[in-house]
PDB file of N, CA and C in Angstrom:
ATOM      1  N   MET A   1     -11.337  42.323 -91.606  1.00  0.00           N
ATOM      2  CA  MET A   1     -10.487  42.582 -90.850  1.00  0.00           C
ATOM      3  C   MET A   1     -10.436  42.025 -89.183  1.00  0.00           C
ATOM      4  N   ALA A   2      -9.083  41.387 -88.847  1.00  0.00           N
ATOM      5  CA  ALA A   2      -9.383  40.923 -86.962  1.00  0.00           C
ATOM      6  C   ALA A   2      -7.919  41.296 -86.416  1.00  0.00           C
ATOM      7  N   TYR A   3      -8.315  41.937 -85.171  1.00  0.00           N
ATOM      8  CA  TYR A   3      -7.342  42.169 -84.597  1.00  0.00           C
ATOM      9  C   TYR A   3      -7.171  41.541 -82.915  1.00  0.00           C
ATOM     10  N   GLN A   4      -6.215  41.380 -82.650  1.00  0.00           N
ATOM     11  CA  GLN A   4      -5.742  40.725 -81.365  1.00  0.00           C
ATOM     12  C   GLN A   4      -5.069  42.180 -80.803  1.00  0.00           C
ATOM     13  N   ILE A   5      -6.309  41.694 -78.891  1.00  0.00           N
ATOM     14  CA  ILE A   5      -6.524  43.192 -78.101  1.00  0.00           C
ATOM     15  C   ILE A   5      -5.436  42.356 -77.120  1.00  0.00           C
ATOM     16  N   THR A   6      -4.599  42.814 -76.788  1.00  0.00           N
ATOM     17  CA  THR A   6      -3.596  42.613 -75.195  1.00  0.00           C
ATOM     18  C   THR A   6      -3.729  43.506 -74.036  1.00  0.00           C
ATOM     19  N   CYS A   7      -4.046  44.498 -74.874  1.00  0.00           N
ATOM     20  CA  CYS A   7      -4.810  45.045 -72.915  1.00  0.00           C
ATOM     21  C   CYS A   7      -5.547  46.253 -73.335  1.00  0.00           C
ATOM     22  N   ALA A   8      -5.843  47.017 -72.460  1.00  0.00           N
ATOM     23  CA  ALA A   8      -7.630  47.477 -72.160  1.00  0.00           C
ATOM     24  C   ALA A   8      -7.357  48.471 -71.017  1.00  0.00           C
ATOM     25  N   THR A   9      -7.733  49.702 -71.562  1.00  0.00           N
ATOM     26  CA  THR A   9      -7.232  50.651 -70.345  1.00  0.00           C
ATOM     27  C   THR A   9      -8.531  50.743 -69.548  1.00  0.00           C
ATOM     28  N   LYS A  10      -8.747  50.596 -67.863  1.00  0.00           N
ATOM     29  CA  LYS A  10     -10.016  50.839 -67.691  1.00  0.00           C
ATOM     30  C   LYS A  10      -9.906  51.739 -66.676  1.00  0.00           C
ATOM     31  N   VAL A  11     -11.571  52.947 -66.436  1.00  0.00           N
ATOM     32  CA  VAL A  11     -11.194  53.561 -65.048  1.00  0.00           C
ATOM     33  C   VAL A  11     -12.441  53.130 -64.602  1.00  0.00           C
ATOM     34  N   HIS A  12     -12.623  53.607 -63.463  1.00  0.00           N
ATOM     35  CA  HIS A  12     -13.323  52.974 -62.352  1.00  0.00           C
ATOM     36  C   HIS A  12     -14.895  54.571 -62.493  1.00  0.00           C
ATOM     37  N   PRO A  13     -16.348  54.203 -61.424  1.00  0.00           N
ATOM     38  CA  PRO A  13     -16.344  53.325 -60.912  1.00  0.00           C
ATOM     39  C   PRO A  13     -17.009  51.794 -61.120  1.00  0.00           C
ATOM     40  N   HIS A  14     -16.737  51.932 -62.563  1.00  0.00           N
ATOM     41  CA  HIS A  14     -17.811  50.670 -63.173  1.00  0.00           C
ATOM     42  C   HIS A  14     -16.475  49.729 -64.110  1.00  0.00           C
ATOM     43  N   ARG A  15     -15.382  50.418 -63.864  1.00  0.00           N
ATOM     44  CA  ARG A  15     -14.009  49.818 -64.746  1.00  0.00           C
ATOM     45  C   ARG A  15     -14.671  50.003 -66.650  1.00  0.00           C
ATOM     46  N   HIS A  16     -15.175  50.604 -66.504  1.00  0.00           N
ATOM     47  CA  HIS A  16     -15.807  50.943 -68.032  1.00  0.00           C
ATOM     48  C   HIS A  16     -13.874  51.363 -69.290  1.00  0.00           C
ATOM     49  N   ILE A  17     -14.337  50.041 -70.319  1.00  0.00           N
ATOM     50  CA  ILE A  17     -13.057  50.282 -71.224  1.00  0.00           C
ATOM     51  C   ILE A  17     -12.908  51.697 -71.652  1.00  0.00           C
ATOM     52  N   THR A  18     -11.417  52.095 -71.439  1.00  0.00           N
ATOM     53  CA  THR A  18     -11.769  53.577 -72.211  1.00  0.00           C
ATOM     54  C   THR A  18     -10.822  53.637 -73.422  1.00  0.00           C
ATOM     55  N   LYS A  19      -9.933  52.594 -73.823  1.00  0.00           N
ATOM     56  CA  LYS A  19      -9.019  52.078 -74.606  1.00  0.00           C
ATOM     57  C   LYS A  19      -8.555  51.005 -74.827  1.00  0.00           C
ATOM     58  N   VAL A  20      -8.513  50.037 -75.904  1.00  0.00           N
ATOM     59  CA  VAL A  20      -7.556  49.137 -76.109  1.00  0.00           C
ATOM     60  C   VAL A  20      -6.508  48.725 -77.405  1.00  0.00           C
ATOM     61  N   GLY A  21      -5.777  48.177 -77.298  1.00  0.00           N
ATOM     62  CA  GLY A  21      -4.581  48.516 -78.049  1.00  0.00           C
ATOM     63  C   GLY A  21      -4.246  46.580 -78.106  1.00  0.00           C
ATOM     64  N   GLY A  22      -2.895  46.338 -79.130  1.00  0.00           N
ATOM     65  CA  GLY A  22      -2.767  45.112 -79.171  1.00  0.00           C
ATOM     66  C   GLY A  22      -1.374  45.377 -80.671  1.00  0.00           C
ATOM     67  N   PRO A  23      -0.645  44.282 -81.052  1.00  0.00           N
ATOM     68  CA  PRO A  23       0.464  43.950 -81.851  1.00  0.00           C
ATOM     69  C   PRO A  23       0.128  45.047 -83.289  1.00  0.00           C
ATOM     70  N   SER A  24      -1.202  45.445 -83.141  1.00  0.00           N
ATOM     71  CA  SER A  24      -1.897  46.082 -84.233  1.00  0.00           C
ATOM     72  C   SER A  24      -1.776  47.565 -84.102  1.00  0.00           C
ATOM     73  N   GLY A  25      -1.722  48.573 -82.956  1.00  0.00           N
ATOM     74  CA  GLY A  25      -2.057  49.614 -82.938  1.00  0.00           C
ATOM     75  C   GLY A  25      -3.117  49.628 -81.443  1.00  0.00           C
ATOM     76  N   SER A  26      -3.424  50.661 -81.689  1.00  0.00           N
ATOM     77  CA  SER A  26      -4.628  50.765 -79.986  1.00  0.00           C
ATOM     78  C   SER A  26      -6.153  51.957 -80.930  1.00  0.00           C
ATOM     79  N   TRP A  27      -6.897  51.597 -80.049  1.00  0.00           N
ATOM     80  CA  TRP A  27      -8.045  52.377 -80.226  1.00  0.00           C
ATOM     81  C   TRP A  27      -8.741  52.884 -79.169  1.00  0.00           C
ATOM     82  N   THR A  28      -8.964  53.891 -79.270  1.00  0.00           N
ATOM     83  CA  THR A  28     -10.297  54.620 -77.827  1.00  0.00           C
ATOM     84  C   THR A  28     -11.380  53.619 -78.424  1.00  0.00           C
ATOM     85  N   VAL A  29     -11.777  53.934 -77.633  1.00  0.00           N
ATOM     86  CA  VAL A  29     -13.302  52.993 -77.432  1.00  0.00           C
ATOM     87  C   VAL A  29     -14.487  53.721 -78.142  1.00  0.00           C
ATOM     88  N   ALA A  30     -14.361  54.924 -79.157  1.00  0.00           N
ATOM     89  CA  ALA A  30     -15.284  55.048 -80.279  1.00  0.00           C
ATOM     90  C   ALA A  30     -14.920  54.995 -81.520  1.00  0.00           C
ATOM     91  N   GLN A  31     -13.170  54.559 -81.159  1.00  0.00           N
ATOM     92  CA  GLN A  31     -12.867  54.355 -82.797  1.00  0.00           C
ATOM     93  C   GLN A  31     -13.287  52.713 -82.742  1.00  0.00           C
ATOM     94  N   ALA A  32     -13.025  51.985 -81.951  1.00  0.00           N
ATOM     95  CA  ALA A  32     -13.288  50.215 -82.233  1.00  0.00           C
ATOM     96  C   ALA A  32     -14.509  50.463 -82.076  1.00  0.00           C
ATOM     97  N   ARG A  33     -15.354  50.795 -81.893  1.00  0.00           N
ATOM     98  CA  ARG A  33     -17.072  50.647 -81.271  1.00  0.00           C
ATOM     99  C   ARG A  33     -17.308  51.378 -83.121  1.00  0.00           C
ATOM    100  N   ALA A  34     -16.599  52.129 -83.728  1.00  0.00           N
ATOM    101  CA  ALA A  34     -16.884  52.656 -85.274  1.00  0.00           C
ATOM    102  C   ALA A  34     -16.483  51.532 -86.027  1.00  0.00           C
ATOM    103  N   ALA A  35     -15.329  51.266 -85.726  1.00  0.00           N
ATOM    104  CA  ALA A  35     -14.711  49.358 -86.435  1.00  0.00           C
ATOM    105  C   ALA A  35     -15.998  48.340 -86.521  1.00  0.00           C
ATOM    106  N   ILE A  36     -15.985  47.748 -85.425  1.00  0.00           N
ATOM    107  CA  ILE A  36     -16.658  46.833 -85.008  1.00  0.00           C
ATOM    108  C   ILE A  36     -18.082  46.757 -85.915  1.00  0.00           C
ATOM    109  N   ALA A  37     -19.083  48.146 -85.978  1.00  0.00           N
ATOM    110  CA  ALA A  37     -20.029  48.345 -86.335  1.00  0.00           C
ATOM    111  C   ALA A  37     -19.892  48.406 -88.293  1.00  0.00           C
ATOM    112  N   ALA A  38     -18.691  48.694 -88.755  1.00  0.00           N
ATOM    113  CA  ALA A  38     -18.196  48.545 -90.014  1.00  0.00           C
ATOM    114  C   ALA A  38     -17.671  47.129 -90.292  1.00  0.00           C
ATOM    115  N   GLY A  39     -17.565  45.919 -89.593  1.00  0.00           N
ATOM    116  CA  GLY A  39     -17.462  44.678 -89.746  1.00  0.00           C
ATOM    117  C   GLY A  39     -16.044  44.208 -89.531  1.00  0.00           C
ATOM    118  N   THR A  40     -15.425  44.924 -88.723  1.00  0.00           N
ATOM    119  CA  THR A  40     -13.617  44.885 -87.853  1.00  0.00           C
ATOM    120  C   THR A  40     -14.304  43.951 -86.941  1.00  0.00           C
ATOM    121  N   VAL A  41     -13.570  42.977 -86.663  1.00  0.00           N
ATOM    122  CA  VAL A  41     -13.336  41.857 -85.270  1.00  0.00           C
ATOM    123  C   VAL A  41     -12.127  41.970 -84.809  1.00  0.00           C
ATOM    124  N   PHE A  42     -12.433  42.737 -83.044  1.00  0.00           N
ATOM    125  CA  PHE A  42     -11.036  42.864 -82.310  1.00  0.00           C
ATOM    126  C   PHE A  42     -11.757  41.220 -81.270  1.00  0.00           C
ATOM    127  N   PHE A  43     -10.933  41.069 -81.490  1.00  0.00           N
ATOM    128  CA  PHE A  43     -10.663  39.599 -79.911  1.00  0.00           C
ATOM    129  C   PHE A  43      -9.313  39.321 -79.310  1.00  0.00           C
ATOM    130  N   THR A  44      -9.217  38.684 -78.010  1.00  0.00           N
ATOM    131  CA  THR A  44      -8.729  38.367 -77.387  1.00  0.00           C
ATOM    132  C   THR A  44      -8.540  36.919 -76.880  1.00  0.00           C
ATOM    133  N   LEU A  45      -6.885  36.977 -76.693  1.00  0.00           N
ATOM    134  CA  LEU A  45      -6.536  35.045 -76.358  1.00  0.00           C
ATOM    135  C   LEU A  45      -6.467  34.762 -75.074  1.00  0.00           C
ATOM    136  N   SER A  46      -7.061  33.692 -74.355  1.00  0.00           N
ATOM    137  CA  SER A  46      -6.614  33.179 -73.061  1.00  0.00           C
ATOM    138  C   SER A  46      -5.566  32.991 -73.117  1.00  0.00           C
ATOM    139  N   PRO A  47      -4.355  32.972 -72.410  1.00  0.00           N
ATOM    140  CA  PRO A  47      -2.657  32.734 -72.451  1.00  0.00           C
ATOM    141  C   PRO A  47      -2.959  31.590 -71.939  1.00  0.00           C
ATOM    142  N   THR A  48      -3.703  30.828 -70.908  1.00  0.00           N
ATOM    143  CA  THR A  48      -3.965  29.478 -70.329  1.00  0.00           C
ATOM    144  C   THR A  48      -4.402  28.658 -71.564  1.00  0.00           C
ATOM    145  N   THR A  49      -4.962  28.879 -72.347  1.00  0.00           N
ATOM    146  CA  THR A  49      -6.162  27.899 -72.883  1.00  0.00           C
ATOM    147  C   THR A  49      -6.177  27.463 -74.035  1.00  0.00           C
ATOM    148  N   GLY A  50      -6.276  29.433 -74.456  1.00  0.00           N
ATOM    149  CA  GLY A  50      -6.126  29.671 -76.175  1.00  0.00           C
ATOM    150  C   GLY A  50      -7.368  29.695 -76.532  1.00  0.00           C
ATOM    151  N   ARG A  51      -8.611  30.045 -75.657  1.00  0.00           N
ATOM    152  CA  ARG A  51      -9.560  30.486 -75.592  1.00  0.00           C
ATOM    153  C   ARG A  51      -9.669  32.121 -76.656  1.00  0.00           C
ATOM    154  N   ARG A  52     -10.490  32.179 -77.637  1.00  0.00           N
ATOM    155  CA  ARG A  52     -10.656  33.172 -78.832  1.00  0.00           C
ATOM    156  C   ARG A  52     -11.749  33.941 -77.479  1.00  0.00           C
ATOM    157  N   ALA A  53     -11.922  35.012 -77.312  1.00  0.00           N
ATOM    158  CA  ALA A  53     -13.175  35.537 -77.158  1.00  0.00           C
ATOM    159  C   ALA A  53     -13.618  37.270 -77.471  1.00  0.00           C
ATOM    160  N   THR A  54     -14.459  37.180 -78.785  1.00  0.00           N
ATOM    161  CA  THR A  54     -14.572  38.584 -79.270  1.00  0.00           C
ATOM    162  C   THR A  54     -15.424  39.638 -78.632  1.00  0.00           C
ATOM    163  N   VAL A  55     -14.217  40.961 -78.792  1.00  0.00           N
ATOM    164  CA  VAL A  55     -15.067  41.878 -78.386  1.00  0.00           C
ATOM    165  C   VAL A  55     -15.574  42.356 -78.597  1.00  0.00           C
ATOM    166  N   GLU A  56     -17.011  43.174 -78.246  1.00  0.00           N
ATOM    167  CA  GLU A  56     -18.303  43.339 -78.617  1.00  0.00           C
ATOM    168  C   GLU A  56     -19.138  44.929 -77.886  1.00  0.00           C
ATOM    169  N   ARG A  57     -19.676  45.864 -78.531  1.00  0.00           N
ATOM    170  CA  ARG A  57     -20.010  46.965 -77.956  1.00  0.00           C
ATOM    171  C   ARG A  57     -21.408  46.899 -76.899  1.00  0.00           C
ATOM    172  N   TYR A  58     -20.783  47.405 -76.322  1.00  0.00           N
ATOM    173  CA  TYR A  58     -21.843  47.522 -75.077  1.00  0.00           C
ATOM    174  C   TYR A  58     -22.153  48.885 -74.269  1.00  0.00           C
ATOM    175  N   ASN A  59     -23.472  48.439 -74.312  1.00  0.00           N
ATOM    176  CA  ASN A  59     -23.723  49.815 -73.272  1.00  0.00           C
ATOM    177  C   ASN A  59     -24.468  49.581 -71.739  1.00  0.00           C
ATOM    178  N   CYS A  60     -23.233  50.450 -70.728  1.00  0.00           N
ATOM    179  CA  CYS A  60     -23.662  49.962 -69.244  1.00  0.00           C
ATOM    180  C   CYS A  60     -25.086  50.632 -69.493  1.00  0.00           C
ATOM    181  N   SER A  61     -25.840  50.074 -68.115  1.00  0.00           N
ATOM    182  CA  SER A  61     -26.926  50.437 -67.858  1.00  0.00           C
ATOM    183  C   SER A  61     -26.738  52.464 -67.228  1.00  0.00           C
ATOM    184  N   CYS A  62     -25.674  52.693 -66.876  1.00  0.00           N
ATOM    185  CA  CYS A  62     -25.626  53.743 -66.566  1.00  0.00           C
ATOM    186  C   CYS A  62     -25.294  54.776 -67.683  1.00  0.00           C
ATOM    187  N   GLY A  63     -25.699  54.269 -68.982  1.00  0.00           N
ATOM    188  CA  GLY A  63     -25.104  55.210 -70.194  1.00  0.00           C
ATOM    189  C   GLY A  63     -23.959  55.075 -70.776  1.00  0.00           C
ATOM    190  N   CYS A  64     -22.943  54.528 -70.306  1.00  0.00           N
ATOM    191  CA  CYS A  64     -21.685  54.690 -70.776  1.00  0.00           C
ATOM    192  C   CYS A  64     -21.359  53.752 -71.840  1.00  0.00           C
ATOM    193  N   ALA A  65     -21.227  53.946 -73.443  1.00  0.00           N
ATOM    194  CA  ALA A  65     -20.986  53.108 -74.500  1.00  0.00           C
ATOM    195  C   ALA A  65     -19.716  53.125 -74.453  1.00  0.00           C
ATOM    196  N   THR A  66     -19.614  51.429 -74.006  1.00  0.00           N
ATOM    197  CA  THR A  66     -17.977  50.776 -73.808  1.00  0.00           C
ATOM    198  C   THR A  66     -18.021  49.770 -74.772  1.00  0.00           C
ATOM    199  N   LEU A  67     -17.045  48.670 -74.623  1.00  0.00           N
ATOM    200  CA  LEU A  67     -16.816  47.772 -74.821  1.00  0.00           C
ATOM    201  C   LEU A  67     -16.963  45.994 -73.736  1.00  0.00           C
ATOM    202  N   ARG A  68     -16.840  44.951 -74.419  1.00  0.00           N
ATOM    203  CA  ARG A  68     -16.957  44.112 -73.663  1.00  0.00           C
ATOM    204  C   ARG A  68     -16.936  42.785 -74.355  1.00  0.00           C
ATOM    205  N   THR A  69     -15.400  41.700 -74.153  1.00  0.00           N
ATOM    206  CA  THR A  69     -15.922  40.188 -74.190  1.00  0.00           C
ATOM    207  C   THR A  69     -16.904  39.622 -74.146  1.00  0.00           C
ATOM    208  N   THR A  70     -16.989  38.851 -75.117  1.00  0.00           N
ATOM    209  CA  THR A  70     -18.218  37.596 -74.975  1.00  0.00           C
ATOM    210  C   THR A  70     -18.174  36.708 -74.183  1.00  0.00           C
ATOM    211  N   ALA A  71     -19.835  36.432 -73.167  1.00  0.00           N
ATOM    212  CA  ALA A  71     -19.333  35.527 -72.219  1.00  0.00           C
ATOM    213  C   ALA A  71     -18.739  34.045 -72.579  1.00  0.00           C
ATOM    214  N   ASP A  72     -17.993  33.404 -71.476  1.00  0.00           N
ATOM    215  CA  ASP A  72     -18.015  31.772 -72.219  1.00  0.00           C
ATOM    216  C   ASP A  72     -16.941  31.657 -70.777  1.00  0.00           C
ATOM    217  N   ALA A  73     -16.280  30.486 -69.959  1.00  0.00           N
ATOM    218  CA  ALA A  73     -16.387  29.869 -69.180  1.00  0.00           C
ATOM    219  C   ALA A  73     -14.795  30.144 -68.663  1.00  0.00           C
ATOM    220  N   VAL A  74     -13.593  30.826 -69.622  1.00  0.00           N
ATOM    221  CA  VAL A  74     -12.536  31.972 -68.919  1.00  0.00           C
ATOM    222  C   VAL A  74     -12.627  32.448 -68.594  1.00  0.00           C
ATOM    223  N   THR A  75     -11.581  33.626 -67.729  1.00  0.00           N
ATOM    224  CA  THR A  75     -11.834  34.516 -67.450  1.00  0.00           C
ATOM    225  C   THR A  75     -10.260  35.396 -67.746  1.00  0.00           C
ATOM    226  N   ASP A  76      -9.551  34.637 -68.459  1.00  0.00           N
ATOM    227  CA  ASP A  76      -8.055  35.401 -68.395  1.00  0.00           C
ATOM    228  C   ASP A  76      -7.917  35.981 -69.861  1.00  0.00           C
ATOM    229  N   ASN A  77      -9.007  35.599 -70.781  1.00  0.00           N
ATOM    230  CA  ASN A  77      -8.963  36.317 -72.186  1.00  0.00           C
ATOM    231  C   ASN A  77     -10.128  37.531 -71.757  1.00  0.00           C
ATOM    232  N   ASN A  78     -10.740  38.087 -70.569  1.00  0.00           N
ATOM    233  CA  ASN A  78     -11.814  38.962 -70.480  1.00  0.00           C
ATOM    234  C   ASN A  78     -11.416  40.548 -70.497  1.00  0.00           C
ATOM    235  N   LEU A  79     -11.676  42.126 -71.049  1.00  0.00           N
ATOM    236  CA  LEU A  79     -11.289  42.914 -71.426  1.00  0.00           C
ATOM    237  C   LEU A  79     -10.937  43.489 -69.844  1.00  0.00           C
ATOM    238  N   ASP A  80     -11.500  42.729 -68.927  1.00  0.00           N
ATOM    239  CA  ASP A  80     -11.151  43.365 -67.403  1.00  0.00           C
ATOM    240  C   ASP A  80      -9.468  42.880 -66.901  1.00  0.00           C
ATOM    241  N   ASN A  81      -9.320  41.563 -67.354  1.00  0.00           N
ATOM    242  CA  ASN A  81      -7.919  40.891 -66.897  1.00  0.00           C
ATOM    243  C   ASN A  81      -6.978  41.448 -67.388  1.00  0.00           C
ATOM    244  N   LEU A  82      -7.618  41.928 -68.774  1.00  0.00           N
ATOM    245  CA  LEU A  82      -5.940  42.399 -69.191  1.00  0.00           C
ATOM    246  C   LEU A  82      -5.369  43.408 -69.003  1.00  0.00           C
ATOM    247  N   PRO A  83      -3.946  43.402 -68.470  1.00  0.00           N
ATOM    248  CA  PRO A  83      -3.116  44.699 -68.476  1.00  0.00           C
ATOM    249  C   PRO A  83      -3.663  46.185 -68.919  1.00  0.00           C
ATOM    250  N   ASN A  84      -3.819  47.405 -68.459  1.00  0.00           N
ATOM    251  CA  ASN A  84      -3.606  48.684 -69.042  1.00  0.00           C
ATOM    252  C   ASN A  84      -2.755  48.781 -69.767  1.00  0.00           C
ATOM    253  N   CYS A  85      -3.068  49.577 -71.141  1.00  0.00           N
ATOM    254  CA  CYS A  85      -2.383  50.324 -72.042  1.00  0.00           C
ATOM    255  C   CYS A  85      -1.638  50.575 -71.654  1.00  0.00           C
ATOM    256  N   LEU A  86      -0.174  50.796 -71.913  1.00  0.00           N
ATOM    257  CA  LEU A  86       0.838  51.702 -71.702  1.00  0.00           C
ATOM    258  C   LEU A  86       0.767  53.376 -72.289  1.00  0.00           C
ATOM    259  N   VAL A  87       0.295  53.170 -73.412  1.00  0.00           N
ATOM    260  CA  VAL A  87       0.226  54.473 -74.670  1.00  0.00           C
ATOM    261  C   VAL A  87      -1.146  55.072 -74.837  1.00  0.00           C
TER     262      VAL A  87
END
């Protein structure tokens, strides 16, 4: 299964992702990390180039288990640059 992510709620100080969402629903970081571990794919799309970035599990150096997008040359498909989820 693959789900497009169109919003990501972030908290300071490191702007950790706490929730992601899209047309198919919303997931806490714990839910998304478990789904990724089970083989589910989450991705974002660049609105300017159409490039797809895969969302991956990430452990911050501060010890927080969170999410991030894979590195590419496009920034508008990064989780950090998506709008916050409203719900």
